[in-house]
């Protein structure tokens, strides 16, 4: 094995003197492999190419300690002195030191260069594996973030769907209450007018009042009759009509609900009612007023009109 100094070997391999001196000093001159490992780990240091300055007091001896640091031998001087003594010799199998030939020197350099390539390849492989691991970590974090976002979106969609379901249920219950009320009113009218016949028939079956002009009539003139029901005929958008009887004290909104439930008006279509003679379009405030107060008793004709937005 060739006995070439570590500093000289690094210089022959093409390393700058400043870098080689720092590598030798920081590894304690323990060999070429340690120096090469240090160089590869610190090749990107900002001060790697600055001249090496040995620490104060690294030269022992009474007289040397009193001298100025500028007079102390540097690492390069020590390495060069050692190289002058040992760099051109090798120890053979019998323990005899003999000079190295040029071929042996070149072989030594080739072995060191090959060692350096192996070290560099190992470092590149290590860096590649570390980069792959960092990329895997980034992907895992991205997937976790995507899952969190997706879960939040699903929760929002569930809340929205639940809210819509409740709104539909409340609307359905409100419609059912209106239907039940209409059914009860019809049943009451059927019982009142005898067996469920149409209100018009029941009204016509009532005995005719004697005419005031009849010579056989006696007593005071008849008082104005108070009606407690109203027969409402509604003309729809397509020209057809529907007719039913309401309580005189029911609000006009009951008529509008009845139209919604029993006509072909598109769901969601806003409309109101108007009286053609005299022409009067009813407002939202009118919807809360009783039919009797609006003058729609004992009968009236209303027309469905689309509300202008």
C-alpha atoms as a PDB file:
ATOM      1  CA  UNK A   1       0.000   0.000   0.000  1.00  0.00           C
ATOM      2  CA  UNK A   2       1.439   3.368  -1.002  1.00  0.00           C
ATOM      3  CA  UNK A   3       2.373   5.675   1.854  1.00  0.00           C
ATOM      4  CA  UNK A   4       1.292   8.997   0.249  1.00  0.00           C
ATOM      5  CA  UNK A   5       0.228  11.879   2.499  1.00  0.00           C
ATOM      6  CA  UNK A   6      -3.474  12.746   2.613  1.00  0.00           C
ATOM      7  CA  UNK A   7      -2.877  16.373   1.581  1.00  0.00           C
ATOM      8  CA  UNK A   8      -0.770  15.381  -1.426  1.00  0.00           C
ATOM      9  CA  UNK A   9      -3.327  12.779  -2.485  1.00  0.00           C
ATOM     10  CA  UNK A  10      -6.131  15.341  -2.400  1.00  0.00           C
ATOM     11  CA  UNK A  11      -4.076  17.806  -4.411  1.00  0.00           C
ATOM     12  CA  UNK A  12      -3.264  15.173  -7.031  1.00  0.00           C
ATOM     13  CA  UNK A  13      -6.975  14.363  -7.293  1.00  0.00           C
ATOM     14  CA  UNK A  14      -7.675  17.988  -8.275  1.00  0.00           C
ATOM     15  CA  UNK A  15      -8.926  19.521  -5.029  1.00  0.00           C
ATOM     16  CA  UNK A  16      -7.973  23.133  -4.301  1.00  0.00           C
ATOM     17  CA  UNK A  17      -5.252  23.561  -1.656  1.00  0.00           C
ATOM     18  CA  UNK A  18      -7.531  25.564   0.674  1.00  0.00           C
ATOM     19  CA  UNK A  19     -10.170  22.829   0.603  1.00  0.00           C
ATOM     20  CA  UNK A  20      -7.624  20.048   0.998  1.00  0.00           C
ATOM     21  CA  UNK A  21      -5.957  21.717   3.980  1.00  0.00           C
ATOM     22  CA  UNK A  22      -9.318  22.253   5.706  1.00  0.00           C
ATOM     23  CA  UNK A  23     -10.324  18.631   5.104  1.00  0.00           C
ATOM     24  CA  UNK A  24      -7.087  17.311   6.578  1.00  0.00           C
ATOM     25  CA  UNK A  25      -7.261  19.639   9.577  1.00  0.00           C
ATOM     26  CA  UNK A  26     -10.913  19.013  10.400  1.00  0.00           C
ATOM     27  CA  UNK A  27     -10.522  15.234  10.209  1.00  0.00           C
ATOM     28  CA  UNK A  28      -7.369  15.174  12.302  1.00  0.00           C
ATOM     29  CA  UNK A  29      -5.304  13.788   9.386  1.00  0.00           C
ATOM     30  CA  UNK A  30      -6.941  10.372   9.871  1.00  0.00           C
ATOM     31  CA  UNK A  31      -6.817   9.328   6.231  1.00  0.00           C
ATOM     32  CA  UNK A  32      -7.987  10.026   2.716  1.00  0.00           C
ATOM     33  CA  UNK A  33     -11.481   8.540   3.143  1.00  0.00           C
ATOM     34  CA  UNK A  34     -12.368  10.727   6.109  1.00  0.00           C
ATOM     35  CA  UNK A  35     -10.994  13.805   4.309  1.00  0.00           C
ATOM     36  CA  UNK A  36     -13.039  13.020   1.175  1.00  0.00           C
ATOM     37  CA  UNK A  37     -16.200  12.504   3.239  1.00  0.00           C
ATOM     38  CA  UNK A  38     -15.677  15.877   4.891  1.00  0.00           C
ATOM     39  CA  UNK A  39     -15.142  17.590   1.514  1.00  0.00           C
ATOM     40  CA  UNK A  40     -18.336  16.151   0.040  1.00  0.00           C
ATOM     41  CA  UNK A  41     -20.368  17.147   3.092  1.00  0.00           C
ATOM     42  CA  UNK A  42     -18.996  20.716   3.202  1.00  0.00           C
ATOM     43  CA  UNK A  43     -18.516  21.470  -0.508  1.00  0.00           C
ATOM     44  CA  UNK A  44     -21.359  24.021  -0.412  1.00  0.00           C
ATOM     45  CA  UNK A  45     -20.068  25.922   2.645  1.00  0.00           C
ATOM     46  CA  UNK A  46     -19.705  29.649   1.841  1.00  0.00           C
ATOM     47  CA  UNK A  47     -16.167  29.802   3.287  1.00  0.00           C
ATOM     48  CA  UNK A  48     -14.888  26.516   1.795  1.00  0.00           C
ATOM     49  CA  UNK A  49     -12.437  28.281  -0.533  1.00  0.00           C
ATOM     50  CA  UNK A  50     -11.042  30.714   2.026  1.00  0.00           C
ATOM     51  CA  UNK A  51      -7.452  30.096   3.171  1.00  0.00           C
ATOM     52  CA  UNK A  52      -7.062  27.763   6.113  1.00  0.00           C
ATOM     53  CA  UNK A  53      -5.954  29.497   9.334  1.00  0.00           C
ATOM     54  CA  UNK A  54      -4.673  27.076  12.005  1.00  0.00           C
ATOM     55  CA  UNK A  55      -5.914  27.757  15.550  1.00  0.00           C
ATOM     56  CA  UNK A  56      -3.651  29.573  17.992  1.00  0.00           C
ATOM     57  CA  UNK A  57      -1.446  27.294  20.123  1.00  0.00           C
ATOM     58  CA  UNK A  58      -1.466  24.254  17.858  1.00  0.00           C
ATOM     59  CA  UNK A  59       2.349  24.193  17.926  1.00  0.00           C
ATOM     60  CA  UNK A  60       3.679  22.927  21.228  1.00  0.00           C
ATOM     61  CA  UNK A  61       6.976  23.850  22.872  1.00  0.00           C
ATOM     62  CA  UNK A  62       8.200  26.481  25.262  1.00  0.00           C
ATOM     63  CA  UNK A  63       9.864  28.743  22.701  1.00  0.00           C
ATOM     64  CA  UNK A  64       7.134  28.210  20.121  1.00  0.00           C
ATOM     65  CA  UNK A  65       4.460  29.396  22.564  1.00  0.00           C
ATOM     66  CA  UNK A  66       6.207  32.765  22.981  1.00  0.00           C
ATOM     67  CA  UNK A  67       6.579  33.352  19.259  1.00  0.00           C
ATOM     68  CA  UNK A  68       4.035  35.238  17.147  1.00  0.00           C
ATOM     69  CA  UNK A  69       1.392  33.178  15.421  1.00  0.00           C
ATOM     70  CA  UNK A  70       2.727  34.391  12.068  1.00  0.00           C
ATOM     71  CA  UNK A  71       5.947  32.504  12.731  1.00  0.00           C
ATOM     72  CA  UNK A  72       4.242  29.168  13.478  1.00  0.00           C
ATOM     73  CA  UNK A  73       4.427  26.511  10.755  1.00  0.00           C
ATOM     74  CA  UNK A  74       1.196  26.069   8.796  1.00  0.00           C
ATOM     75  CA  UNK A  75      -0.579  22.819   7.979  1.00  0.00           C
ATOM     76  CA  UNK A  76       0.679  23.050   4.407  1.00  0.00           C
ATOM     77  CA  UNK A  77       4.317  23.398   5.584  1.00  0.00           C
ATOM     78  CA  UNK A  78       3.935  20.369   7.845  1.00  0.00           C
ATOM     79  CA  UNK A  79       2.244  18.325   5.122  1.00  0.00           C
ATOM     80  CA  UNK A  80       4.835  19.311   2.522  1.00  0.00           C
ATOM     81  CA  UNK A  81       7.660  18.378   4.888  1.00  0.00           C
ATOM     82  CA  UNK A  82       6.112  14.986   5.469  1.00  0.00           C
ATOM     83  CA  UNK A  83       5.574  14.570   1.768  1.00  0.00           C
ATOM     84  CA  UNK A  84       9.256  15.246   1.093  1.00  0.00           C
ATOM     85  CA  UNK A  85      10.127  12.393   3.418  1.00  0.00           C
ATOM     86  CA  UNK A  86       7.431   9.773   2.739  1.00  0.00           C
ATOM     87  CA  UNK A  87       5.553  10.517  -0.505  1.00  0.00           C
ATOM     88  CA  UNK A  88       8.105   8.796  -2.718  1.00  0.00           C
ATOM     89  CA  UNK A  89       8.464   5.594  -0.657  1.00  0.00           C
ATOM     90  CA  UNK A  90       6.467   2.444  -0.029  1.00  0.00           C
ATOM     91  CA  UNK A  91       6.965  -0.449   2.380  1.00  0.00           C
ATOM     92  CA  UNK A  92       7.290  -3.854   0.675  1.00  0.00           C
ATOM     93  CA  UNK A  93       6.257  -7.191   2.088  1.00  0.00           C
ATOM     94  CA  UNK A  94       9.506  -7.564   4.027  1.00  0.00           C
ATOM     95  CA  UNK A  95       9.093  -4.225   5.781  1.00  0.00           C
ATOM     96  CA  UNK A  96      11.777  -2.489   3.685  1.00  0.00           C
ATOM     97  CA  UNK A  97      11.022   1.103   2.591  1.00  0.00           C
ATOM     98  CA  UNK A  98      11.821   1.738  -1.060  1.00  0.00           C
ATOM     99  CA  UNK A  99      11.047   4.584  -3.480  1.00  0.00           C
ATOM    100  CA  UNK A 100       7.710   4.487  -5.404  1.00  0.00           C
ATOM    101  CA  UNK A 101       7.743   4.231  -9.145  1.00  0.00           C
ATOM    102  CA  UNK A 102       5.678   6.524 -11.350  1.00  0.00           C
ATOM    103  CA  UNK A 103       3.304   3.653 -12.174  1.00  0.00           C
ATOM    104  CA  UNK A 104       2.712   3.022  -8.459  1.00  0.00           C
ATOM    105  CA  UNK A 105       2.008   6.701  -7.911  1.00  0.00           C
ATOM    106  CA  UNK A 106      -0.524   6.761 -10.775  1.00  0.00           C
ATOM    107  CA  UNK A 107      -2.165   3.582  -9.446  1.00  0.00           C
ATOM    108  CA  UNK A 108      -2.477   5.195  -6.037  1.00  0.00           C
ATOM    109  CA  UNK A 109      -4.162   8.229  -7.587  1.00  0.00           C
ATOM    110  CA  UNK A 110      -6.534   6.031  -9.634  1.00  0.00           C
ATOM    111  CA  UNK A 111      -7.601   4.141  -6.520  1.00  0.00           C
ATOM    112  CA  UNK A 112      -8.302   7.382  -4.711  1.00  0.00           C
ATOM    113  CA  UNK A 113     -10.272   8.767  -7.643  1.00  0.00           C
ATOM    114  CA  UNK A 114     -12.338   5.576  -7.804  1.00  0.00           C
ATOM    115  CA  UNK A 115     -12.986   5.848  -4.089  1.00  0.00           C
ATOM    116  CA  UNK A 116     -14.120   9.424  -4.562  1.00  0.00           C
ATOM    117  CA  UNK A 117     -16.523   8.407  -7.364  1.00  0.00           C
ATOM    118  CA  UNK A 118     -17.989   5.686  -5.153  1.00  0.00           C
ATOM    119  CA  UNK A 119     -18.470   8.167  -2.324  1.00  0.00           C
ATOM    120  CA  UNK A 120     -20.110  10.675  -4.660  1.00  0.00           C
ATOM    121  CA  UNK A 121     -22.426   8.010  -6.083  1.00  0.00           C
ATOM    122  CA  UNK A 122     -23.413   6.961  -2.559  1.00  0.00           C
ATOM    123  CA  UNK A 123     -24.144  10.550  -1.650  1.00  0.00           C
ATOM    124  CA  UNK A 124     -26.241  11.105  -4.773  1.00  0.00           C
ATOM    125  CA  UNK A 125     -28.234   7.948  -4.046  1.00  0.00           C
ATOM    126  CA  UNK A 126     -28.776   9.061  -0.469  1.00  0.00           C
ATOM    127  CA  UNK A 127     -29.940  12.487  -1.611  1.00  0.00           C
ATOM    128  CA  UNK A 128     -32.272  10.906  -4.175  1.00  0.00           C
ATOM    129  CA  UNK A 129     -33.848   8.690  -1.516  1.00  0.00           C
ATOM    130  CA  UNK A 130     -34.272  11.665   0.792  1.00  0.00           C
ATOM    131  CA  UNK A 131     -35.940  13.637  -2.015  1.00  0.00           C
ATOM    132  CA  UNK A 132     -38.276  10.724  -2.739  1.00  0.00           C
ATOM    133  CA  UNK A 133     -39.220  10.541   0.922  1.00  0.00           C
ATOM    134  CA  UNK A 134     -39.917  14.291   1.006  1.00  0.00           C
ATOM    135  CA  UNK A 135     -42.077  13.960  -2.108  1.00  0.00           C
ATOM    136  CA  UNK A 136     -44.038  11.101  -0.518  1.00  0.00           C
ATOM    137  CA  UNK A 137     -44.555  13.228   2.565  1.00  0.00           C
ATOM    138  CA  UNK A 138     -45.833  16.132   0.458  1.00  0.00           C
ATOM    139  CA  UNK A 139     -48.240  13.820  -1.351  1.00  0.00           C
ATOM    140  CA  UNK A 140     -49.542  12.370   1.902  1.00  0.00           C
ATOM    141  CA  UNK A 141     -50.143  15.850   3.270  1.00  0.00           C
ATOM    142  CA  UNK A 142     -51.896  16.866   0.026  1.00  0.00           C
ATOM    143  CA  UNK A 143     -54.159  13.807   0.152  1.00  0.00           C
ATOM    144  CA  UNK A 144     -55.025  14.459   3.796  1.00  0.00           C
ATOM    145  CA  UNK A 145     -55.849  18.078   2.993  1.00  0.00           C
ATOM    146  CA  UNK A 146     -58.027  16.993   0.055  1.00  0.00           C
ATOM    147  CA  UNK A 147     -59.873  14.513   2.270  1.00  0.00           C
ATOM    148  CA  UNK A 148     -60.535  17.225   4.851  1.00  0.00           C
ATOM    149  CA  UNK A 149     -61.891  19.562   2.171  1.00  0.00           C
ATOM    150  CA  UNK A 150     -64.079  16.816   0.711  1.00  0.00           C
ATOM    151  CA  UNK A 151     -65.486  15.965   4.152  1.00  0.00           C
ATOM    152  CA  UNK A 152     -66.318  19.615   4.805  1.00  0.00           C
ATOM    153  CA  UNK A 153     -68.105  19.831   1.446  1.00  0.00           C
ATOM    154  CA  UNK A 154     -70.046  16.655   2.176  1.00  0.00           C
ATOM    155  CA  UNK A 155     -71.065  18.000   5.589  1.00  0.00           C
ATOM    156  CA  UNK A 156     -72.261  21.247   3.990  1.00  0.00           C
ATOM    157  CA  UNK A 157     -74.260  19.321   1.373  1.00  0.00           C
ATOM    158  CA  UNK A 158     -75.859  17.159   4.065  1.00  0.00           C
ATOM    159  CA  UNK A 159     -76.841  20.233   6.073  1.00  0.00           C
ATOM    160  CA  UNK A 160     -78.313  21.891   2.982  1.00  0.00           C
ATOM    161  CA  UNK A 161     -80.239  18.740   2.036  1.00  0.00           C
ATOM    162  CA  UNK A 162     -81.590  18.419   5.582  1.00  0.00           C
ATOM    163  CA  UNK A 163     -82.682  22.048   5.569  1.00  0.00           C
ATOM    164  CA  UNK A 164     -84.492  21.606   2.240  1.00  0.00           C
ATOM    165  CA  UNK A 165     -86.150  18.432   3.503  1.00  0.00           C
ATOM    166  CA  UNK A 166     -87.453  20.270   6.567  1.00  0.00           C
ATOM    167  CA  UNK A 167     -88.744  23.134   4.420  1.00  0.00           C
ATOM    168  CA  UNK A 168     -90.581  20.705   2.127  1.00  0.00           C
ATOM    169  CA  UNK A 169     -92.040  18.886   5.112  1.00  0.00           C
ATOM    170  CA  UNK A 170     -93.261  22.135   6.654  1.00  0.00           C
ATOM    171  CA  UNK A 171     -94.797  23.204   3.341  1.00  0.00           C
ATOM    172  CA  UNK A 172     -96.461  19.815   2.977  1.00  0.00           C
ATOM    173  CA  UNK A 173     -97.901  20.028   6.480  1.00  0.00           C
ATOM    174  CA  UNK A 174     -99.200  23.544   5.795  1.00  0.00           C
ATOM    175  CA  UNK A 175    -100.913  22.369   2.600  1.00  0.00           C
ATOM    176  CA  UNK A 176    -102.388  19.414   4.460  1.00  0.00           C
ATOM    177  CA  UNK A 177    -103.820  21.711   7.127  1.00  0.00           C
ATOM    178  CA  UNK A 178    -105.458  23.806   4.427  1.00  0.00           C
ATOM    179  CA  UNK A 179    -106.888  20.685   2.769  1.00  0.00           C
ATOM    180  CA  UNK A 180    -108.220  19.454   6.091  1.00  0.00           C
ATOM    181  CA  UNK A 181    -109.866  22.787   6.752  1.00  0.00           C
ATOM    182  CA  UNK A 182    -111.489  22.833   3.328  1.00  0.00           C
ATOM    183  CA  UNK A 183    -112.705  19.269   3.817  1.00  0.00           C
ATOM    184  CA  UNK A 184    -114.217  20.139   7.205  1.00  0.00           C
ATOM    185  CA  UNK A 185    -115.932  23.175   5.753  1.00  0.00           C
ATOM    186  CA  UNK A 186    -117.403  21.088   2.934  1.00  0.00           C
ATOM    187  CA  UNK A 187    -118.619  18.490   5.391  1.00  0.00           C
ATOM    188  CA  UNK A 188    -120.263  21.155   7.538  1.00  0.00           C
ATOM    189  CA  UNK A 189    -121.956  22.680   4.492  1.00  0.00           C
ATOM    190  CA  UNK A 190    -123.126  19.246   3.345  1.00  0.00           C
ATOM    191  CA  UNK A 191    -124.652  18.527   6.730  1.00  0.00           C
ATOM    192  CA  UNK A 192    -126.255  21.951   6.854  1.00  0.00           C
ATOM    193  CA  UNK A 193    -127.836  21.775   3.405  1.00  0.00           C
ATOM    194  CA  UNK A 194    -128.952  18.175   3.670  1.00  0.00           C
ATOM    195  CA  UNK A 195    -126.942  15.268   2.433  1.00  0.00           C
ATOM    196  CA  UNK A 196    -124.030  16.901   0.628  1.00  0.00           C
ATOM    197  CA  UNK A 197    -125.819  18.356  -2.372  1.00  0.00           C
ATOM    198  CA  UNK A 198    -124.293  21.360  -4.105  1.00  0.00           C
ATOM    199  CA  UNK A 199    -124.844  24.647  -2.334  1.00  0.00           C
ATOM    200  CA  UNK A 200    -126.721  26.069  -5.277  1.00  0.00           C
ATOM    201  CA  UNK A 201    -129.250  23.207  -5.174  1.00  0.00           C
ATOM    202  CA  UNK A 202    -129.723  23.607  -1.454  1.00  0.00           C
ATOM    203  CA  UNK A 203    -130.318  27.275  -1.881  1.00  0.00           C
ATOM    204  CA  UNK A 204    -132.882  26.700  -4.635  1.00  0.00           C
ATOM    205  CA  UNK A 205    -134.750  24.155  -2.482  1.00  0.00           C
ATOM    206  CA  UNK A 206    -135.487  26.735   0.159  1.00  0.00           C
ATOM    207  CA  UNK A 207    -139.106  28.022   0.123  1.00  0.00           C
ATOM    208  CA  UNK A 208    -139.579  31.228  -1.773  1.00  0.00           C
ATOM    209  CA  UNK A 209    -140.239  34.277   0.297  1.00  0.00           C
ATOM    210  CA  UNK A 210    -143.567  35.952  -0.375  1.00  0.00           C
ATOM    211  CA  UNK A 211    -143.244  38.976  -2.566  1.00  0.00           C
ATOM    212  CA  UNK A 212    -143.683  42.259  -0.781  1.00  0.00           C
ATOM    213  CA  UNK A 213    -146.018  43.401  -3.546  1.00  0.00           C
ATOM    214  CA  UNK A 214    -148.329  40.439  -3.074  1.00  0.00           C
ATOM    215  CA  UNK A 215    -151.758  41.613  -1.978  1.00  0.00           C
ATOM    216  CA  UNK A 216    -151.946  38.748   0.489  1.00  0.00           C
ATOM    217  CA  UNK A 217    -148.756  39.806   2.375  1.00  0.00           C
ATOM    218  CA  UNK A 218    -149.290  41.458   5.723  1.00  0.00           C
ATOM    219  CA  UNK A 219    -147.093  42.830   8.444  1.00  0.00           C
ATOM    220  CA  UNK A 220    -143.905  44.972   8.391  1.00  0.00           C
ATOM    221  CA  UNK A 221    -141.481  44.891   5.404  1.00  0.00           C
ATOM    222  CA  UNK A 222    -138.843  42.154   5.608  1.00  0.00           C
ATOM    223  CA  UNK A 223    -135.446  43.113   7.080  1.00  0.00           C
ATOM    224  CA  UNK A 224    -132.194  42.776   5.135  1.00  0.00           C
ATOM    225  CA  UNK A 225    -130.947  39.203   5.307  1.00  0.00           C
ATOM    226  CA  UNK A 226    -127.589  38.573   6.910  1.00  0.00           C
ATOM    227  CA  UNK A 227    -125.579  36.046   4.867  1.00  0.00           C
ATOM    228  CA  UNK A 228    -122.976  33.904   6.588  1.00  0.00           C
ATOM    229  CA  UNK A 229    -121.666  32.283   3.388  1.00  0.00           C
ATOM    230  CA  UNK A 230    -120.401  33.407   0.039  1.00  0.00           C
ATOM    231  CA  UNK A 231    -120.474  31.597  -3.278  1.00  0.00           C
ATOM    232  CA  UNK A 232    -117.242  32.447  -5.102  1.00  0.00           C
ATOM    233  CA  UNK A 233    -116.603  31.749  -8.777  1.00  0.00           C
ATOM    234  CA  UNK A 234    -112.955  32.040  -9.877  1.00  0.00           C
ATOM    235  CA  UNK A 235    -111.854  32.394 -13.494  1.00  0.00           C
ATOM    236  CA  UNK A 236    -108.421  30.762 -13.994  1.00  0.00           C
ATOM    237  CA  UNK A 237    -105.572  31.726 -16.291  1.00  0.00           C
ATOM    238  CA  UNK A 238    -106.676  29.264 -19.003  1.00  0.00           C
ATOM    239  CA  UNK A 239    -110.243  30.611 -19.031  1.00  0.00           C
ATOM    240  CA  UNK A 240    -111.849  27.774 -17.038  1.00  0.00           C
ATOM    241  CA  UNK A 241    -113.743  28.433 -13.820  1.00  0.00           C
ATOM    242  CA  UNK A 242    -114.084  26.806 -10.420  1.00  0.00           C
ATOM    243  CA  UNK A 243    -116.828  27.531  -7.929  1.00  0.00           C
ATOM    244  CA  UNK A 244    -117.208  26.844  -4.225  1.00  0.00           C
ATOM    245  CA  UNK A 245    -118.739  28.277  -1.052  1.00  0.00           C
ATOM    246  CA  UNK A 246    -116.813  29.943   1.764  1.00  0.00           C
ATOM    247  CA  UNK A 247    -117.733  31.284   5.171  1.00  0.00           C
ATOM    248  CA  UNK A 248    -118.427  34.994   5.145  1.00  0.00           C
ATOM    249  CA  UNK A 249    -115.809  35.526   7.843  1.00  0.00           C
ATOM    250  CA  UNK A 250    -113.081  33.547   6.047  1.00  0.00           C
ATOM    251  CA  UNK A 251    -110.193  35.670   4.756  1.00  0.00           C
ATOM    252  CA  UNK A 252    -109.592  36.178   1.076  1.00  0.00           C
ATOM    253  CA  UNK A 253    -106.362  34.160   1.524  1.00  0.00           C
ATOM    254  CA  UNK A 254    -108.539  31.042   1.866  1.00  0.00           C
ATOM    255  CA  UNK A 255    -109.788  31.621  -1.668  1.00  0.00           C
ATOM    256  CA  UNK A 256    -106.247  31.963  -2.960  1.00  0.00           C
ATOM    257  CA  UNK A 257    -105.191  28.747  -1.205  1.00  0.00           C
ATOM    258  CA  UNK A 258    -108.222  26.968  -2.671  1.00  0.00           C
ATOM    259  CA  UNK A 259    -107.157  28.134  -6.139  1.00  0.00           C
ATOM    260  CA  UNK A 260    -103.628  26.879  -5.556  1.00  0.00           C
ATOM    261  CA  UNK A 261    -104.908  23.471  -4.516  1.00  0.00           C
ATOM    262  CA  UNK A 262    -107.577  23.017  -7.178  1.00  0.00           C
ATOM    263  CA  UNK A 263    -106.265  24.671 -10.328  1.00  0.00           C
ATOM    264  CA  UNK A 264    -103.592  24.076 -12.893  1.00  0.00           C
ATOM    265  CA  UNK A 265    -101.591  27.121 -11.854  1.00  0.00           C
ATOM    266  CA  UNK A 266     -97.852  26.241 -12.072  1.00  0.00           C
ATOM    267  CA  UNK A 267     -96.256  25.619  -8.708  1.00  0.00           C
ATOM    268  CA  UNK A 268     -94.304  28.631  -7.589  1.00  0.00           C
ATOM    269  CA  UNK A 269     -96.267  30.985  -9.882  1.00  0.00           C
ATOM    270  CA  UNK A 270     -97.115  34.188  -8.020  1.00  0.00           C
ATOM    271  CA  UNK A 271    -100.661  35.426  -8.639  1.00  0.00           C
ATOM    272  CA  UNK A 272    -103.360  37.495  -7.043  1.00  0.00           C
ATOM    273  CA  UNK A 273    -107.102  37.990  -7.432  1.00  0.00           C
ATOM    274  CA  UNK A 274    -109.098  40.865  -8.839  1.00  0.00           C
ATOM    275  CA  UNK A 275    -112.752  41.765  -9.046  1.00  0.00           C
ATOM    276  CA  UNK A 276    -113.804  42.705 -12.603  1.00  0.00           C
ATOM    277  CA  UNK A 277    -116.904  44.777 -11.719  1.00  0.00           C
ATOM    278  CA  UNK A 278    -115.906  47.176 -10.391  1.00  0.00           C
ATOM    279  CA  UNK A 279    -112.284  46.424 -11.263  1.00  0.00           C
ATOM    280  CA  UNK A 280    -110.198  46.069  -8.137  1.00  0.00           C
ATOM    281  CA  UNK A 281    -106.960  44.137  -7.678  1.00  0.00           C
ATOM    282  CA  UNK A 282    -106.549  42.792  -4.154  1.00  0.00           C
ATOM    283  CA  UNK A 283    -103.282  43.333  -2.283  1.00  0.00           C
ATOM    284  CA  UNK A 284    -101.538  41.286   0.383  1.00  0.00           C
ATOM    285  CA  UNK A 285    -103.294  43.367   3.038  1.00  0.00           C
ATOM    286  CA  UNK A 286    -106.652  42.485   1.503  1.00  0.00           C
ATOM    287  CA  UNK A 287    -105.807  38.783   1.792  1.00  0.00           C
ATOM    288  CA  UNK A 288    -106.184  39.008   5.569  1.00  0.00           C
ATOM    289  CA  UNK A 289    -109.618  40.662   5.427  1.00  0.00           C
ATOM    290  CA  UNK A 290    -112.881  38.656   5.634  1.00  0.00           C
ATOM    291  CA  UNK A 291    -114.936  38.155   2.491  1.00  0.00           C
ATOM    292  CA  UNK A 292    -117.825  40.006   4.065  1.00  0.00           C
ATOM    293  CA  UNK A 293    -115.704  43.086   4.696  1.00  0.00           C
ATOM    294  CA  UNK A 294    -114.500  43.069   1.080  1.00  0.00           C
ATOM    295  CA  UNK A 295    -118.069  42.977  -0.220  1.00  0.00           C
ATOM    296  CA  UNK A 296    -117.816  39.474  -1.658  1.00  0.00           C
ATOM    297  CA  UNK A 297    -120.959  38.174   0.152  1.00  0.00           C
ATOM    298  CA  UNK A 298    -123.280  36.486  -0.775  1.00  0.00           C
ATOM    299  CA  UNK A 299    -121.552  35.818  -4.118  1.00  0.00           C
ATOM    300  CA  UNK A 300    -118.782  37.156  -6.272  1.00  0.00           C
ATOM    301  CA  UNK A 301    -116.731  36.529  -9.394  1.00  0.00           C
ATOM    302  CA  UNK A 302    -112.958  36.782  -9.135  1.00  0.00           C
ATOM    303  CA  UNK A 303    -110.245  36.530 -11.787  1.00  0.00           C
ATOM    304  CA  UNK A 304    -106.731  35.072 -11.366  1.00  0.00           C
ATOM    305  CA  UNK A 305    -103.987  37.424 -12.599  1.00  0.00           C
ATOM    306  CA  UNK A 306    -100.229  36.926 -12.584  1.00  0.00           C
ATOM    307  CA  UNK A 307     -98.354  39.156 -10.167  1.00  0.00           C
ATOM    308  CA  UNK A 308     -95.876  41.493 -11.839  1.00  0.00           C
ATOM    309  CA  UNK A 309     -92.409  41.350 -10.294  1.00  0.00           C
END
